[in-house]
């Protein structure tokens, strides 16, 4: 069976200008709120592998069950925000 071109898309110059304007607005909002990591930093921080997600979920559950045992060096509110960003789906 031959592959067919199922989708063809073209933008007018006016549409492209609107897209550029919209992206510019988004970039303007994000200025100063994002961080670009170097390749070395990406290696340093890495990502959470599937098998480690169970550990993270268990740690979160324990911190919620026994809040008095949350380490003082851990900002729980920041942890919760990061957790939602990484695990909310």
C-alpha atoms as a PDB file:
ATOM      1  CA  UNK A   1       0.000   0.000   0.000  1.00  0.00           C
ATOM      2  CA  UNK A   2       1.441   3.335  -1.011  1.00  0.00           C
ATOM      3  CA  UNK A   3       1.799   6.152   1.477  1.00  0.00           C
ATOM      4  CA  UNK A   4      -0.593   8.983   0.840  1.00  0.00           C
ATOM      5  CA  UNK A   5      -0.257  12.606   1.738  1.00  0.00           C
ATOM      6  CA  UNK A   6      -3.023  12.647   4.341  1.00  0.00           C
ATOM      7  CA  UNK A   7      -2.369  16.144   5.538  1.00  0.00           C
ATOM      8  CA  UNK A   8      -1.346  19.239   3.654  1.00  0.00           C
ATOM      9  CA  UNK A   9      -0.963  22.544   5.426  1.00  0.00           C
ATOM     10  CA  UNK A  10      -0.181  25.985   4.124  1.00  0.00           C
ATOM     11  CA  UNK A  11      -0.159  29.339   5.925  1.00  0.00           C
ATOM     12  CA  UNK A  12      -0.772  32.739   4.412  1.00  0.00           C
ATOM     13  CA  UNK A  13       1.663  35.550   5.139  1.00  0.00           C
ATOM     14  CA  UNK A  14      -0.957  37.129   7.451  1.00  0.00           C
ATOM     15  CA  UNK A  15      -1.317  33.874   9.403  1.00  0.00           C
ATOM     16  CA  UNK A  16       2.449  33.543   9.736  1.00  0.00           C
ATOM     17  CA  UNK A  17       2.633  37.121  11.016  1.00  0.00           C
ATOM     18  CA  UNK A  18      -0.045  36.345  13.640  1.00  0.00           C
ATOM     19  CA  UNK A  19       1.850  33.234  14.699  1.00  0.00           C
ATOM     20  CA  UNK A  20       5.085  35.228  15.047  1.00  0.00           C
ATOM     21  CA  UNK A  21       3.266  37.868  17.095  1.00  0.00           C
ATOM     22  CA  UNK A  22       1.754  35.225  19.383  1.00  0.00           C
ATOM     23  CA  UNK A  23       5.075  33.478  19.892  1.00  0.00           C
ATOM     24  CA  UNK A  24       6.647  36.827  20.658  1.00  0.00           C
ATOM     25  CA  UNK A  25       4.039  37.420  23.370  1.00  0.00           C
ATOM     26  CA  UNK A  26       4.717  34.002  24.883  1.00  0.00           C
ATOM     27  CA  UNK A  27       8.472  34.615  24.824  1.00  0.00           C
ATOM     28  CA  UNK A  28       7.911  37.975  26.507  1.00  0.00           C
ATOM     29  CA  UNK A  29       6.039  36.348  29.383  1.00  0.00           C
ATOM     30  CA  UNK A  30       8.710  33.673  29.805  1.00  0.00           C
ATOM     31  CA  UNK A  31      11.711  36.033  29.876  1.00  0.00           C
ATOM     32  CA  UNK A  32      13.442  35.669  33.201  1.00  0.00           C
ATOM     33  CA  UNK A  33      11.353  32.661  34.227  1.00  0.00           C
ATOM     34  CA  UNK A  34      13.215  29.936  32.401  1.00  0.00           C
ATOM     35  CA  UNK A  35      16.710  28.515  32.574  1.00  0.00           C
ATOM     36  CA  UNK A  36      18.762  27.033  29.780  1.00  0.00           C
ATOM     37  CA  UNK A  37      20.879  24.148  30.989  1.00  0.00           C
ATOM     38  CA  UNK A  38      24.231  23.369  29.464  1.00  0.00           C
ATOM     39  CA  UNK A  39      24.811  19.780  28.301  1.00  0.00           C
ATOM     40  CA  UNK A  40      26.962  19.254  31.412  1.00  0.00           C
ATOM     41  CA  UNK A  41      24.158  20.471  33.673  1.00  0.00           C
ATOM     42  CA  UNK A  42      21.671  18.209  31.904  1.00  0.00           C
ATOM     43  CA  UNK A  43      23.939  15.255  32.655  1.00  0.00           C
ATOM     44  CA  UNK A  44      24.378  16.413  36.241  1.00  0.00           C
ATOM     45  CA  UNK A  45      20.651  16.780  36.962  1.00  0.00           C
ATOM     46  CA  UNK A  46      19.461  13.995  34.693  1.00  0.00           C
ATOM     47  CA  UNK A  47      15.908  12.744  34.809  1.00  0.00           C
ATOM     48  CA  UNK A  48      13.863  10.303  36.833  1.00  0.00           C
ATOM     49  CA  UNK A  49      13.841   6.796  35.389  1.00  0.00           C
ATOM     50  CA  UNK A  50      10.622   4.785  35.545  1.00  0.00           C
ATOM     51  CA  UNK A  51      11.849   2.551  38.377  1.00  0.00           C
ATOM     52  CA  UNK A  52      12.730   5.634  40.476  1.00  0.00           C
ATOM     53  CA  UNK A  53       9.248   7.140  40.086  1.00  0.00           C
ATOM     54  CA  UNK A  54       7.984   4.529  42.539  1.00  0.00           C
ATOM     55  CA  UNK A  55      10.540   5.760  45.076  1.00  0.00           C
ATOM     56  CA  UNK A  56       9.543   9.402  44.541  1.00  0.00           C
ATOM     57  CA  UNK A  57       5.857   8.543  44.927  1.00  0.00           C
ATOM     58  CA  UNK A  58       6.569   6.587  48.115  1.00  0.00           C
ATOM     59  CA  UNK A  59       8.606   9.489  49.550  1.00  0.00           C
ATOM     60  CA  UNK A  60       5.775  11.927  48.767  1.00  0.00           C
ATOM     61  CA  UNK A  61       3.240   9.641  50.415  1.00  0.00           C
ATOM     62  CA  UNK A  62       5.359   9.294  53.543  1.00  0.00           C
ATOM     63  CA  UNK A  63       5.912  13.056  53.778  1.00  0.00           C
ATOM     64  CA  UNK A  64       2.145  13.559  53.655  1.00  0.00           C
ATOM     65  CA  UNK A  65       1.407  10.789  56.184  1.00  0.00           C
ATOM     66  CA  UNK A  66       4.086  11.832  58.694  1.00  0.00           C
ATOM     67  CA  UNK A  67       4.814  15.538  58.076  1.00  0.00           C
ATOM     68  CA  UNK A  68       6.819  15.901  61.287  1.00  0.00           C
ATOM     69  CA  UNK A  69       9.525  13.692  59.755  1.00  0.00           C
ATOM     70  CA  UNK A  70      10.030  15.826  56.633  1.00  0.00           C
ATOM     71  CA  UNK A  71      13.698  16.919  56.687  1.00  0.00           C
ATOM     72  CA  UNK A  72      14.172  20.562  57.673  1.00  0.00           C
ATOM     73  CA  UNK A  73      16.382  21.180  54.617  1.00  0.00           C
ATOM     74  CA  UNK A  74      13.531  20.209  52.259  1.00  0.00           C
ATOM     75  CA  UNK A  75      11.097  22.899  51.149  1.00  0.00           C
ATOM     76  CA  UNK A  76       7.901  20.808  51.002  1.00  0.00           C
ATOM     77  CA  UNK A  77       5.919  23.475  49.133  1.00  0.00           C
ATOM     78  CA  UNK A  78       8.606  23.626  46.414  1.00  0.00           C
ATOM     79  CA  UNK A  79       8.746  19.818  46.328  1.00  0.00           C
ATOM     80  CA  UNK A  80       4.971  19.681  45.780  1.00  0.00           C
ATOM     81  CA  UNK A  81       5.158  22.235  42.948  1.00  0.00           C
ATOM     82  CA  UNK A  82       7.974  20.297  41.267  1.00  0.00           C
ATOM     83  CA  UNK A  83       6.101  17.026  41.783  1.00  0.00           C
ATOM     84  CA  UNK A  84       3.013  18.412  40.052  1.00  0.00           C
ATOM     85  CA  UNK A  85       5.111  19.653  37.121  1.00  0.00           C
ATOM     86  CA  UNK A  86       6.829  16.286  36.679  1.00  0.00           C
ATOM     87  CA  UNK A  87       4.106  13.807  37.500  1.00  0.00           C
ATOM     88  CA  UNK A  88       0.809  15.481  36.641  1.00  0.00           C
ATOM     89  CA  UNK A  89      -0.594  13.868  33.559  1.00  0.00           C
END
